[in-house]
PDB file of N, CA and C in Angstrom:
ATOM      1  N   MET A   1     114.416  86.301  62.073  1.00  0.00           N
ATOM      2  CA  MET A   1     113.949  87.538  61.655  1.00  0.00           C
ATOM      3  C   MET A   1     113.020  87.217  60.463  1.00  0.00           C
ATOM      4  N   THR A   2     111.879  87.869  60.386  1.00  0.00           N
ATOM      5  CA  THR A   2     110.888  87.712  59.289  1.00  0.00           C
ATOM      6  C   THR A   2     111.230  88.792  58.277  1.00  0.00           C
ATOM      7  N   ARG A   3     111.487  88.401  56.992  1.00  0.00           N
ATOM      8  CA  ARG A   3     111.700  89.318  55.927  1.00  0.00           C
ATOM      9  C   ARG A   3     110.435  90.002  55.505  1.00  0.00           C
ATOM     10  N   ARG A   4     110.440  91.234  55.132  1.00  0.00           N
ATOM     11  CA  ARG A   4     109.293  91.953  54.609  1.00  0.00           C
ATOM     12  C   ARG A   4     109.600  92.550  53.200  1.00  0.00           C
ATOM     13  N   LEU A   5     108.695  92.458  52.346  1.00  0.00           N
ATOM     14  CA  LEU A   5     108.849  93.031  50.980  1.00  0.00           C
ATOM     15  C   LEU A   5     107.937  94.175  50.937  1.00  0.00           C
ATOM     16  N   LEU A   6     108.499  95.345  50.598  1.00  0.00           N
ATOM     17  CA  LEU A   6     107.715  96.577  50.498  1.00  0.00           C
ATOM     18  C   LEU A   6     107.820  97.028  49.002  1.00  0.00           C
ATOM     19  N   CYS A   7     106.661  96.994  48.349  1.00  0.00           N
ATOM     20  CA  CYS A   7     106.519  97.392  46.985  1.00  0.00           C
ATOM     21  C   CYS A   7     105.730  98.634  46.879  1.00  0.00           C
ATOM     22  N   THR A   8     106.258  99.685  46.253  1.00  0.00           N
ATOM     23  CA  THR A   8     105.527 100.935  46.117  1.00  0.00           C
ATOM     24  C   THR A   8     105.778 101.636  44.787  1.00  0.00           C
ATOM     25  N   ASP A   9     104.744 102.284  44.350  1.00  0.00           N
ATOM     26  CA  ASP A   9     104.778 103.118  43.121  1.00  0.00           C
ATOM     27  C   ASP A   9     105.588 104.409  43.491  1.00  0.00           C
ATOM     28  N   LEU A  10     105.942 105.213  42.510  1.00  0.00           N
ATOM     29  CA  LEU A  10     106.699 106.409  42.679  1.00  0.00           C
ATOM     30  C   LEU A  10     105.718 107.579  42.600  1.00  0.00           C
ATOM     31  N   ASP A  11     105.158 107.851  41.454  1.00  0.00           N
ATOM     32  CA  ASP A  11     104.373 109.027  41.183  1.00  0.00           C
ATOM     33  C   ASP A  11     103.103 109.100  42.050  1.00  0.00           C
ATOM     34  N   ARG A  12     102.912 110.188  42.735  1.00  0.00           N
ATOM     35  CA  ARG A  12     101.828 110.414  43.640  1.00  0.00           C
ATOM     36  C   ARG A  12     101.780 109.517  44.751  1.00  0.00           C
ATOM     37  N   THR A  13     102.801 108.776  44.994  1.00  0.00           N
ATOM     38  CA  THR A  13     102.900 107.890  46.215  1.00  0.00           C
ATOM     39  C   THR A  13     104.109 108.391  46.995  1.00  0.00           C
ATOM     40  N   LEU A  14     105.366 108.284  46.413  1.00  0.00           N
ATOM     41  CA  LEU A  14     106.542 108.774  47.011  1.00  0.00           C
ATOM     42  C   LEU A  14     106.953 110.137  46.467  1.00  0.00           C
ATOM     43  N   ILE A  15     106.642 110.359  45.273  1.00  0.00           N
ATOM     44  CA  ILE A  15     107.058 111.592  44.561  1.00  0.00           C
ATOM     45  C   ILE A  15     105.782 112.434  44.261  1.00  0.00           C
ATOM     46  N   PRO A  16     105.764 113.681  44.794  1.00  0.00           N
ATOM     47  CA  PRO A  16     104.630 114.518  44.400  1.00  0.00           C
ATOM     48  C   PRO A  16     104.490 114.734  42.877  1.00  0.00           C
ATOM     49  N   ASN A  17     103.295 114.717  42.481  1.00  0.00           N
ATOM     50  CA  ASN A  17     103.022 114.863  41.079  1.00  0.00           C
ATOM     51  C   ASN A  17     101.670 115.571  40.921  1.00  0.00           C
ATOM     52  N   GLY A  18     101.702 116.770  40.542  1.00  0.00           N
ATOM     53  CA  GLY A  18     100.410 117.549  40.405  1.00  0.00           C
ATOM     54  C   GLY A  18     100.297 118.517  41.586  1.00  0.00           C
ATOM     55  N   ALA A  19      99.049 118.902  41.879  1.00  0.00           N
ATOM     56  CA  ALA A  19      98.690 119.912  42.867  1.00  0.00           C
ATOM     57  C   ALA A  19      98.907 119.439  44.327  1.00  0.00           C
ATOM     58  N   GLN A  20      98.773 118.147  44.490  1.00  0.00           N
ATOM     59  CA  GLN A  20      98.721 117.633  45.899  1.00  0.00           C
ATOM     60  C   GLN A  20     100.185 117.757  46.498  1.00  0.00           C
ATOM     61  N   ALA A  21     100.198 118.429  47.614  1.00  0.00           N
ATOM     62  CA  ALA A  21     101.471 118.695  48.375  1.00  0.00           C
ATOM     63  C   ALA A  21     101.989 117.350  48.993  1.00  0.00           C
ATOM     64  N   GLU A  22     103.284 117.226  49.163  1.00  0.00           N
ATOM     65  CA  GLU A  22     103.885 116.071  49.809  1.00  0.00           C
ATOM     66  C   GLU A  22     103.632 116.210  51.291  1.00  0.00           C
ATOM     67  N   SER A  23     103.300 115.071  51.982  1.00  0.00           N
ATOM     68  CA  SER A  23     103.127 115.061  53.413  1.00  0.00           C
ATOM     69  C   SER A  23     104.512 115.407  54.059  1.00  0.00           C
ATOM     70  N   PRO A  24     104.422 116.300  55.090  1.00  0.00           N
ATOM     71  CA  PRO A  24     105.654 116.709  55.831  1.00  0.00           C
ATOM     72  C   PRO A  24     106.204 115.526  56.580  1.00  0.00           C
ATOM     73  N   GLY A  25     107.491 115.255  56.350  1.00  0.00           N
ATOM     74  CA  GLY A  25     108.252 114.171  57.001  1.00  0.00           C
ATOM     75  C   GLY A  25     108.039 112.827  56.399  1.00  0.00           C
ATOM     76  N   ALA A  26     107.160 112.712  55.306  1.00  0.00           N
ATOM     77  CA  ALA A  26     106.908 111.379  54.760  1.00  0.00           C
ATOM     78  C   ALA A  26     108.115 110.652  54.293  1.00  0.00           C
ATOM     79  N   ARG A  27     109.012 111.427  53.571  1.00  0.00           N
ATOM     80  CA  ARG A  27     110.188 110.768  53.012  1.00  0.00           C
ATOM     81  C   ARG A  27     111.149 110.266  54.065  1.00  0.00           C
ATOM     82  N   GLU A  28     111.319 111.048  55.169  1.00  0.00           N
ATOM     83  CA  GLU A  28     112.177 110.677  56.225  1.00  0.00           C
ATOM     84  C   GLU A  28     111.629 109.405  56.913  1.00  0.00           C
ATOM     85  N   HIS A  29     110.389 109.325  57.162  1.00  0.00           N
ATOM     86  CA  HIS A  29     109.763 108.132  57.768  1.00  0.00           C
ATOM     87  C   HIS A  29     109.881 106.959  56.814  1.00  0.00           C
ATOM     88  N   PHE A  30     109.744 107.172  55.536  1.00  0.00           N
ATOM     89  CA  PHE A  30     109.919 106.094  54.595  1.00  0.00           C
ATOM     90  C   PHE A  30     111.369 105.567  54.604  1.00  0.00           C
ATOM     91  N   ARG A  31     112.335 106.547  54.571  1.00  0.00           N
ATOM     92  CA  ARG A  31     113.738 106.213  54.622  1.00  0.00           C
ATOM     93  C   ARG A  31     114.057 105.360  55.886  1.00  0.00           C
ATOM     94  N   GLN A  32     113.441 105.737  57.049  1.00  0.00           N
ATOM     95  CA  GLN A  32     113.703 104.931  58.243  1.00  0.00           C
ATOM     96  C   GLN A  32     113.141 103.566  58.148  1.00  0.00           C
ATOM     97  N   LEU A  33     111.892 103.409  57.550  1.00  0.00           N
ATOM     98  CA  LEU A  33     111.275 102.156  57.346  1.00  0.00           C
ATOM     99  C   LEU A  33     112.100 101.243  56.459  1.00  0.00           C
ATOM    100  N   VAL A  34     112.417 101.733  55.327  1.00  0.00           N
ATOM    101  CA  VAL A  34     113.209 100.780  54.399  1.00  0.00           C
ATOM    102  C   VAL A  34     114.687 100.609  54.781  1.00  0.00           C
ATOM    103  N   GLY A  35     115.088 101.370  55.709  1.00  0.00           N
ATOM    104  CA  GLY A  35     116.455 101.195  56.222  1.00  0.00           C
ATOM    105  C   GLY A  35     116.560  99.967  57.174  1.00  0.00           C
ATOM    106  N   ARG A  36     115.430  99.436  57.551  1.00  0.00           N
ATOM    107  CA  ARG A  36     115.421  98.304  58.489  1.00  0.00           C
ATOM    108  C   ARG A  36     115.934  97.098  57.816  1.00  0.00           C
ATOM    109  N   GLU A  37     116.759  96.261  58.539  1.00  0.00           N
ATOM    110  CA  GLU A  37     117.420  95.113  57.957  1.00  0.00           C
ATOM    111  C   GLU A  37     116.496  94.126  57.332  1.00  0.00           C
ATOM    112  N   GLU A  38     115.298  93.969  57.933  1.00  0.00           N
ATOM    113  CA  GLU A  38     114.308  93.024  57.349  1.00  0.00           C
ATOM    114  C   GLU A  38     113.526  93.452  56.190  1.00  0.00           C
ATOM    115  N   VAL A  39     113.710  94.683  55.752  1.00  0.00           N
ATOM    116  CA  VAL A  39     112.817  95.229  54.673  1.00  0.00           C
ATOM    117  C   VAL A  39     113.650  95.104  53.364  1.00  0.00           C
ATOM    118  N   THR A  40     112.943  94.525  52.312  1.00  0.00           N
ATOM    119  CA  THR A  40     113.395  94.561  50.999  1.00  0.00           C
ATOM    120  C   THR A  40     112.556  95.508  50.141  1.00  0.00           C
ATOM    121  N   LEU A  41     113.087  96.510  49.521  1.00  0.00           N
ATOM    122  CA  LEU A  41     112.315  97.547  48.789  1.00  0.00           C
ATOM    123  C   LEU A  41     112.287  97.349  47.262  1.00  0.00           C
ATOM    124  N   ALA A  42     111.092  97.387  46.786  1.00  0.00           N
ATOM    125  CA  ALA A  42     110.928  97.380  45.309  1.00  0.00           C
ATOM    126  C   ALA A  42     110.086  98.514  44.855  1.00  0.00           C
ATOM    127  N   TYR A  43     110.597  99.316  43.922  1.00  0.00           N
ATOM    128  CA  TYR A  43     109.806 100.324  43.297  1.00  0.00           C
ATOM    129  C   TYR A  43     109.024  99.649  41.987  1.00  0.00           C
ATOM    130  N   VAL A  44     107.810  99.995  41.939  1.00  0.00           N
ATOM    131  CA  VAL A  44     106.945  99.437  40.840  1.00  0.00           C
ATOM    132  C   VAL A  44     106.465 100.697  40.113  1.00  0.00           C
ATOM    133  N   SER A  45     106.846 100.805  38.789  1.00  0.00           N
ATOM    134  CA  SER A  45     106.580 102.031  38.099  1.00  0.00           C
ATOM    135  C   SER A  45     106.295 101.845  36.700  1.00  0.00           C
ATOM    136  N   GLY A  46     105.471 102.679  36.093  1.00  0.00           N
ATOM    137  CA  GLY A  46     105.346 102.681  34.607  1.00  0.00           C
ATOM    138  C   GLY A  46     106.556 103.328  33.915  1.00  0.00           C
ATOM    139  N   ARG A  47     107.331 103.994  34.767  1.00  0.00           N
ATOM    140  CA  ARG A  47     108.543 104.694  34.237  1.00  0.00           C
ATOM    141  C   ARG A  47     109.548 103.689  33.785  1.00  0.00           C
ATOM    142  N   HIS A  48     110.406 104.150  32.833  1.00  0.00           N
ATOM    143  CA  HIS A  48     111.576 103.297  32.460  1.00  0.00           C
ATOM    144  C   HIS A  48     112.741 103.659  33.394  1.00  0.00           C
ATOM    145  N   ARG A  49     113.753 102.874  33.374  1.00  0.00           N
ATOM    146  CA  ARG A  49     114.843 102.989  34.353  1.00  0.00           C
ATOM    147  C   ARG A  49     115.364 104.370  34.562  1.00  0.00           C
ATOM    148  N   ALA A  50     115.671 105.028  33.409  1.00  0.00           N
ATOM    149  CA  ALA A  50     116.295 106.461  33.557  1.00  0.00           C
ATOM    150  C   ALA A  50     115.458 107.324  34.322  1.00  0.00           C
ATOM    151  N   LEU A  51     114.084 107.231  34.136  1.00  0.00           N
ATOM    152  CA  LEU A  51     113.141 108.141  34.883  1.00  0.00           C
ATOM    153  C   LEU A  51     113.005 107.687  36.370  1.00  0.00           C
ATOM    154  N   ILE A  52     113.148 106.401  36.637  1.00  0.00           N
ATOM    155  CA  ILE A  52     113.115 105.931  38.016  1.00  0.00           C
ATOM    156  C   ILE A  52     114.356 106.462  38.702  1.00  0.00           C
ATOM    157  N   GLU A  53     115.523 106.316  38.114  1.00  0.00           N
ATOM    158  CA  GLU A  53     116.752 106.788  38.685  1.00  0.00           C
ATOM    159  C   GLU A  53     116.760 108.334  38.851  1.00  0.00           C
ATOM    160  N   GLN A  54     116.125 109.025  37.904  1.00  0.00           N
ATOM    161  CA  GLN A  54     115.955 110.493  38.049  1.00  0.00           C
ATOM    162  C   GLN A  54     115.102 110.836  39.238  1.00  0.00           C
ATOM    163  N   GLY A  55     113.974 110.201  39.476  1.00  0.00           N
ATOM    164  CA  GLY A  55     113.108 110.457  40.590  1.00  0.00           C
ATOM    165  C   GLY A  55     113.937 110.149  41.896  1.00  0.00           C
ATOM    166  N   ILE A  56     114.671 109.058  41.942  1.00  0.00           N
ATOM    167  CA  ILE A  56     115.445 108.671  43.173  1.00  0.00           C
ATOM    168  C   ILE A  56     116.473 109.815  43.466  1.00  0.00           C
ATOM    169  N   ALA A  57     117.068 110.257  42.507  1.00  0.00           N
ATOM    170  CA  ALA A  57     118.132 111.366  42.675  1.00  0.00           C
ATOM    171  C   ALA A  57     117.494 112.704  43.074  1.00  0.00           C
ATOM    172  N   GLU A  58     116.455 113.015  42.332  1.00  0.00           N
ATOM    173  CA  GLU A  58     115.844 114.304  42.559  1.00  0.00           C
ATOM    174  C   GLU A  58     115.161 114.455  43.905  1.00  0.00           C
ATOM    175  N   TYR A  59     114.567 113.358  44.362  1.00  0.00           N
ATOM    176  CA  TYR A  59     113.839 113.445  45.658  1.00  0.00           C
ATOM    177  C   TYR A  59     114.593 112.697  46.833  1.00  0.00           C
ATOM    178  N   GLY A  60     115.803 112.321  46.606  1.00  0.00           N
ATOM    179  CA  GLY A  60     116.650 111.728  47.634  1.00  0.00           C
ATOM    180  C   GLY A  60     116.048 110.427  48.190  1.00  0.00           C
ATOM    181  N   LEU A  61     115.492 109.595  47.308  1.00  0.00           N
ATOM    182  CA  LEU A  61     114.815 108.367  47.768  1.00  0.00           C
ATOM    183  C   LEU A  61     115.893 107.329  47.910  1.00  0.00           C
ATOM    184  N   PRO A  62     115.678 106.345  48.843  1.00  0.00           N
ATOM    185  CA  PRO A  62     116.585 105.253  48.982  1.00  0.00           C
ATOM    186  C   PRO A  62     116.693 104.446  47.788  1.00  0.00           C
ATOM    187  N   GLN A  63     117.860 103.844  47.456  1.00  0.00           N
ATOM    188  CA  GLN A  63     118.011 102.884  46.378  1.00  0.00           C
ATOM    189  C   GLN A  63     117.171 101.673  46.722  1.00  0.00           C
ATOM    190  N   PRO A  64     116.459 101.132  45.654  1.00  0.00           N
ATOM    191  CA  PRO A  64     115.739  99.905  45.901  1.00  0.00           C
ATOM    192  C   PRO A  64     116.550  98.717  45.870  1.00  0.00           C
ATOM    193  N   ASP A  65     116.071  97.619  46.261  1.00  0.00           N
ATOM    194  CA  ASP A  65     116.630  96.267  46.024  1.00  0.00           C
ATOM    195  C   ASP A  65     116.252  95.770  44.688  1.00  0.00           C
ATOM    196  N   TYR A  66     115.026  96.101  44.278  1.00  0.00           N
ATOM    197  CA  TYR A  66     114.393  95.703  42.971  1.00  0.00           C
ATOM    198  C   TYR A  66     113.687  96.893  42.417  1.00  0.00           C
ATOM    199  N   ALA A  67     113.481  96.894  41.103  1.00  0.00           N
ATOM    200  CA  ALA A  67     112.695  97.910  40.396  1.00  0.00           C
ATOM    201  C   ALA A  67     111.943  97.159  39.328  1.00  0.00           C
ATOM    202  N   ILE A  68     110.672  97.332  39.315  1.00  0.00           N
ATOM    203  CA  ILE A  68     109.767  96.798  38.183  1.00  0.00           C
ATOM    204  C   ILE A  68     109.429  97.976  37.460  1.00  0.00           C
ATOM    205  N   ALA A  69     109.942  97.982  36.153  1.00  0.00           N
ATOM    206  CA  ALA A  69     109.846  99.208  35.274  1.00  0.00           C
ATOM    207  C   ALA A  69     109.035  98.921  34.048  1.00  0.00           C
ATOM    208  N   ASP A  70     108.958  99.977  33.254  1.00  0.00           N
ATOM    209  CA  ASP A  70     108.297  99.782  31.945  1.00  0.00           C
ATOM    210  C   ASP A  70     106.998  99.167  32.032  1.00  0.00           C
ATOM    211  N   VAL A  71     106.173  99.566  32.995  1.00  0.00           N
ATOM    212  CA  VAL A  71     104.807  98.978  33.155  1.00  0.00           C
ATOM    213  C   VAL A  71     104.874  97.448  33.304  1.00  0.00           C
ATOM    214  N   GLY A  72     105.845  96.938  34.059  1.00  0.00           N
ATOM    215  CA  GLY A  72     105.996  95.555  34.275  1.00  0.00           C
ATOM    216  C   GLY A  72     106.868  94.817  33.325  1.00  0.00           C
ATOM    217  N   ALA A  73     107.214  95.413  32.121  1.00  0.00           N
ATOM    218  CA  ALA A  73     107.997  94.698  31.177  1.00  0.00           C
ATOM    219  C   ALA A  73     109.506  94.422  31.556  1.00  0.00           C
ATOM    220  N   THR A  74     110.029  95.172  32.420  1.00  0.00           N
ATOM    221  CA  THR A  74     111.411  95.022  32.897  1.00  0.00           C
ATOM    222  C   THR A  74     111.550  94.933  34.354  1.00  0.00           C
ATOM    223  N   ILE A  75     112.271  93.997  34.896  1.00  0.00           N
ATOM    224  CA  ILE A  75     112.546  93.885  36.323  1.00  0.00           C
ATOM    225  C   ILE A  75     114.055  93.906  36.518  1.00  0.00           C
ATOM    226  N   TYR A  76     114.557  94.788  37.446  1.00  0.00           N
ATOM    227  CA  TYR A  76     115.854  95.002  37.730  1.00  0.00           C
ATOM    228  C   TYR A  76     116.069  94.501  39.159  1.00  0.00           C
ATOM    229  N   ARG A  77     117.326  93.984  39.399  1.00  0.00           N
ATOM    230  CA  ARG A  77     117.808  93.717  40.735  1.00  0.00           C
ATOM    231  C   ARG A  77     118.870  94.756  40.946  1.00  0.00           C
ATOM    232  N   VAL A  78     118.831  95.503  42.006  1.00  0.00           N
ATOM    233  CA  VAL A  78     119.744  96.652  42.220  1.00  0.00           C
ATOM    234  C   VAL A  78     120.726  96.163  43.422  1.00  0.00           C
ATOM    235  N   LYS A  79     121.971  96.211  43.095  1.00  0.00           N
ATOM    236  CA  LYS A  79     123.013  95.852  44.114  1.00  0.00           C
ATOM    237  C   LYS A  79     124.158  96.914  44.105  1.00  0.00           C
ATOM    238  N   ALA A  80     124.388  97.572  45.070  1.00  0.00           N
ATOM    239  CA  ALA A  80     125.546  98.509  45.182  1.00  0.00           C
ATOM    240  C   ALA A  80     125.467  99.472  43.962  1.00  0.00           C
ATOM    241  N   GLY A  81     124.264  99.944  43.629  1.00  0.00           N
ATOM    242  CA  GLY A  81     124.086 100.967  42.582  1.00  0.00           C
ATOM    243  C   GLY A  81     124.143 100.316  41.198  1.00  0.00           C
ATOM    244  N   SER A  82     124.313  99.053  41.064  1.00  0.00           N
ATOM    245  CA  SER A  82     124.374  98.368  39.718  1.00  0.00           C
ATOM    246  C   SER A  82     122.954  97.822  39.483  1.00  0.00           C
ATOM    247  N   TRP A  83     122.331  98.198  38.304  1.00  0.00           N
ATOM    248  CA  TRP A  83     121.010  97.719  38.011  1.00  0.00           C
ATOM    249  C   TRP A  83     121.154  96.567  37.018  1.00  0.00           C
ATOM    250  N   GLU A  84     120.714  95.409  37.352  1.00  0.00           N
ATOM    251  CA  GLU A  84     120.876  94.168  36.556  1.00  0.00           C
ATOM    252  C   GLU A  84     119.502  93.784  36.078  1.00  0.00           C
ATOM    253  N   ILE A  85     119.341  93.542  34.800  1.00  0.00           N
ATOM    254  CA  ILE A  85     118.024  93.133  34.228  1.00  0.00           C
ATOM    255  C   ILE A  85     117.844  91.679  34.705  1.00  0.00           C
ATOM    256  N   TRP A  86     116.627  91.290  35.141  1.00  0.00           N
ATOM    257  CA  TRP A  86     116.330  89.899  35.457  1.00  0.00           C
ATOM    258  C   TRP A  86     115.965  89.201  34.231  1.00  0.00           C
ATOM    259  N   GLU A  87     116.982  88.514  33.675  1.00  0.00           N
ATOM    260  CA  GLU A  87     116.883  87.903  32.362  1.00  0.00           C
ATOM    261  C   GLU A  87     115.758  86.754  32.257  1.00  0.00           C
ATOM    262  N   GLU A  88     115.559  86.062  33.311  1.00  0.00           N
ATOM    263  CA  GLU A  88     114.471  85.024  33.305  1.00  0.00           C
ATOM    264  C   GLU A  88     113.133  85.680  33.046  1.00  0.00           C
ATOM    265  N   TRP A  89     112.904  86.911  33.593  1.00  0.00           N
ATOM    266  CA  TRP A  89     111.592  87.568  33.342  1.00  0.00           C
ATOM    267  C   TRP A  89     111.502  87.985  31.958  1.00  0.00           C
ATOM    268  N   GLU A  90     112.632  88.520  31.379  1.00  0.00           N
ATOM    269  CA  GLU A  90     112.547  88.931  29.953  1.00  0.00           C
ATOM    270  C   GLU A  90     112.198  87.783  29.105  1.00  0.00           C
ATOM    271  N   ALA A  91     112.899  86.659  29.355  1.00  0.00           N
ATOM    272  CA  ALA A  91     112.574  85.492  28.549  1.00  0.00           C
ATOM    273  C   ALA A  91     111.147  84.998  28.588  1.00  0.00           C
ATOM    274  N   GLN A  92     110.617  85.194  29.734  1.00  0.00           N
ATOM    275  CA  GLN A  92     109.229  84.732  29.959  1.00  0.00           C
ATOM    276  C   GLN A  92     108.175  85.697  29.283  1.00  0.00           C
ATOM    277  N   ILE A  93     108.477  86.972  29.366  1.00  0.00           N
ATOM    278  CA  ILE A  93     107.550  87.978  28.829  1.00  0.00           C
ATOM    279  C   ILE A  93     107.754  88.305  27.381  1.00  0.00           C
ATOM    280  N   ALA A  94     108.972  88.112  26.846  1.00  0.00           N
ATOM    281  CA  ALA A  94     109.221  88.557  25.447  1.00  0.00           C
ATOM    282  C   ALA A  94     108.323  88.041  24.432  1.00  0.00           C
ATOM    283  N   PRO A  95     107.995  86.684  24.427  1.00  0.00           N
ATOM    284  CA  PRO A  95     107.103  86.178  23.362  1.00  0.00           C
ATOM    285  C   PRO A  95     105.725  86.792  23.379  1.00  0.00           C
ATOM    286  N   GLY A  96     105.110  87.119  24.549  1.00  0.00           N
ATOM    287  CA  GLY A  96     103.842  87.766  24.668  1.00  0.00           C
ATOM    288  C   GLY A  96     103.962  89.221  24.084  1.00  0.00           C
ATOM    289  N   LEU A  97     105.029  89.882  24.472  1.00  0.00           N
ATOM    290  CA  LEU A  97     105.178  91.215  23.978  1.00  0.00           C
ATOM    291  C   LEU A  97     105.358  91.307  22.437  1.00  0.00           C
ATOM    292  N   ALA A  98     106.139  90.341  21.913  1.00  0.00           N
ATOM    293  CA  ALA A  98     106.417  90.259  20.511  1.00  0.00           C
ATOM    294  C   ALA A  98     105.079  90.022  19.722  1.00  0.00           C
ATOM    295  N   ARG A  99     104.220  89.203  20.293  1.00  0.00           N
ATOM    296  CA  ARG A  99     102.844  88.927  19.699  1.00  0.00           C
ATOM    297  C   ARG A  99     101.992  90.130  19.707  1.00  0.00           C
ATOM    298  N   ALA A 100     102.045  90.924  20.813  1.00  0.00           N
ATOM    299  CA  ALA A 100     101.214  92.077  20.998  1.00  0.00           C
ATOM    300  C   ALA A 100     101.552  93.204  20.133  1.00  0.00           C
ATOM    301  N   ILE A 101     102.797  93.452  20.132  1.00  0.00           N
ATOM    302  CA  ILE A 101     103.384  94.636  19.300  1.00  0.00           C
ATOM    303  C   ILE A 101     104.624  94.276  18.535  1.00  0.00           C
ATOM    304  N   PRO A 102     104.513  93.310  17.611  1.00  0.00           N
ATOM    305  CA  PRO A 102     105.729  92.806  16.993  1.00  0.00           C
ATOM    306  C   PRO A 102     106.585  93.829  16.247  1.00  0.00           C
ATOM    307  N   SER A 103     106.037  94.876  15.655  1.00  0.00           N
ATOM    308  CA  SER A 103     106.865  95.813  14.961  1.00  0.00           C
ATOM    309  C   SER A 103     107.447  96.867  15.821  1.00  0.00           C
ATOM    310  N   ARG A 104     107.175  96.958  17.045  1.00  0.00           N
ATOM    311  CA  ARG A 104     107.604  97.964  17.915  1.00  0.00           C
ATOM    312  C   ARG A 104     108.577  97.492  18.947  1.00  0.00           C
ATOM    313  N   VAL A 105     108.674  96.194  19.324  1.00  0.00           N
ATOM    314  CA  VAL A 105     109.383  95.749  20.431  1.00  0.00           C
ATOM    315  C   VAL A 105     110.574  94.889  19.982  1.00  0.00           C
ATOM    316  N   ALA A 106     111.771  95.313  20.267  1.00  0.00           N
ATOM    317  CA  ALA A 106     112.923  94.517  19.972  1.00  0.00           C
ATOM    318  C   ALA A 106     113.087  93.600  21.152  1.00  0.00           C
ATOM    319  N   ARG A 107     112.871  94.046  22.445  1.00  0.00           N
ATOM    320  CA  ARG A 107     112.922  93.274  23.593  1.00  0.00           C
ATOM    321  C   ARG A 107     112.324  94.053  24.718  1.00  0.00           C
ATOM    322  N   PRO A 108     111.861  93.385  25.795  1.00  0.00           N
ATOM    323  CA  PRO A 108     111.253  94.191  26.885  1.00  0.00           C
ATOM    324  C   PRO A 108     112.231  95.287  27.377  1.00  0.00           C
ATOM    325  N   GLY A 109     111.671  96.423  27.627  1.00  0.00           N
ATOM    326  CA  GLY A 109     112.563  97.445  28.127  1.00  0.00           C
ATOM    327  C   GLY A 109     113.180  98.284  27.123  1.00  0.00           C
ATOM    328  N   ALA A 110     112.954  97.937  25.868  1.00  0.00           N
ATOM    329  CA  ALA A 110     113.576  98.708  24.715  1.00  0.00           C
ATOM    330  C   ALA A 110     112.915 100.057  24.636  1.00  0.00           C
ATOM    331  N   ASN A 111     113.694 101.056  24.173  1.00  0.00           N
ATOM    332  CA  ASN A 111     113.084 102.379  24.005  1.00  0.00           C
ATOM    333  C   ASN A 111     112.339 102.468  22.714  1.00  0.00           C
ATOM    334  N   PHE A 112     111.197 102.954  22.723  1.00  0.00           N
ATOM    335  CA  PHE A 112     110.390 103.197  21.483  1.00  0.00           C
ATOM    336  C   PHE A 112     109.598 104.444  21.737  1.00  0.00           C
ATOM    337  N   ALA A 113     109.252 105.129  20.650  1.00  0.00           N
ATOM    338  CA  ALA A 113     108.599 106.452  20.895  1.00  0.00           C
ATOM    339  C   ALA A 113     107.112 106.256  21.032  1.00  0.00           C
ATOM    340  N   ARG A 114     106.492 105.360  20.316  1.00  0.00           N
ATOM    341  CA  ARG A 114     105.114 105.059  20.394  1.00  0.00           C
ATOM    342  C   ARG A 114     104.823 103.610  20.240  1.00  0.00           C
ATOM    343  N   ALA A 115     103.832 103.105  20.876  1.00  0.00           N
ATOM    344  CA  ALA A 115     103.577 101.590  20.820  1.00  0.00           C
ATOM    345  C   ALA A 115     102.098 101.429  20.468  1.00  0.00           C
ATOM    346  N   GLU A 116     101.786 100.437  19.666  1.00  0.00           N
ATOM    347  CA  GLU A 116     100.451 100.184  19.354  1.00  0.00           C
ATOM    348  C   GLU A 116      99.847  99.478  20.567  1.00  0.00           C
ATOM    349  N   ILE A 117      98.646  99.806  20.885  1.00  0.00           N
ATOM    350  CA  ILE A 117      97.916  99.173  21.940  1.00  0.00           C
ATOM    351  C   ILE A 117      97.300  97.911  21.260  1.00  0.00           C
ATOM    352  N   ALA A 118      97.649  96.721  21.737  1.00  0.00           N
ATOM    353  CA  ALA A 118      97.255  95.494  21.127  1.00  0.00           C
ATOM    354  C   ALA A 118      95.793  95.454  20.750  1.00  0.00           C
ATOM    355  N   GLY A 119      95.507  95.170  19.509  1.00  0.00           N
ATOM    356  CA  GLY A 119      94.158  94.951  19.110  1.00  0.00           C
ATOM    357  C   GLY A 119      93.342  96.265  18.898  1.00  0.00           C
ATOM    358  N   THR A 120      93.846  97.412  19.079  1.00  0.00           N
ATOM    359  CA  THR A 120      92.928  98.580  19.032  1.00  0.00           C
ATOM    360  C   THR A 120      93.243  99.482  17.892  1.00  0.00           C
ATOM    361  N   GLY A 121      94.534  99.314  17.297  1.00  0.00           N
ATOM    362  CA  GLY A 121      94.867 100.224  16.232  1.00  0.00           C
ATOM    363  C   GLY A 121      95.251 101.631  16.685  1.00  0.00           C
ATOM    364  N   LYS A 122      95.192 101.860  18.009  1.00  0.00           N
ATOM    365  CA  LYS A 122      95.539 103.065  18.665  1.00  0.00           C
ATOM    366  C   LYS A 122      96.979 103.028  19.089  1.00  0.00           C
ATOM    367  N   THR A 123      97.656 104.158  19.292  1.00  0.00           N
ATOM    368  CA  THR A 123      98.986 104.204  19.811  1.00  0.00           C
ATOM    369  C   THR A 123      99.063 105.043  21.035  1.00  0.00           C
ATOM    370  N   GLU A 124     100.142 104.804  21.818  1.00  0.00           N
ATOM    371  CA  GLU A 124     100.284 105.628  23.044  1.00  0.00           C
ATOM    372  C   GLU A 124     101.808 105.752  23.209  1.00  0.00           C
ATOM    373  N   SER A 125     102.240 106.834  23.827  1.00  0.00           N
ATOM    374  CA  SER A 125     103.707 107.086  24.156  1.00  0.00           C
ATOM    375  C   SER A 125     103.902 106.418  25.522  1.00  0.00           C
ATOM    376  N   PRO A 126     105.158 105.804  25.645  1.00  0.00           N
ATOM    377  CA  PRO A 126     105.454 105.208  26.911  1.00  0.00           C
ATOM    378  C   PRO A 126     105.702 106.248  28.030  1.00  0.00           C
TER     379      PRO A 126
END
């Protein structure tokens, strides 16, 4: 059996966001696809974990095998409903994040209200 990795965004891809209506039957077709034994599902989102989990619950989406959250700063492996941070990724990305926004980041995936956009002097909310 050949394994398949399906990576998808949530907003305006699986979850309606804005005026565009959801395609009829899309979630059921998606559920059938990712329910296949050879499919590994990863949600890729700018959202942090709590908002990913909220979207899954609110729209009845399948639990992923992996989630790439916080605009790529945090990667989770999801097993039996337990979300585990991929520590190796955190160790790899932490030095770059610390250099980019040292006064705002305690570690990747940390909650903060506003972050400086590296080198611009501007701030944005996560």
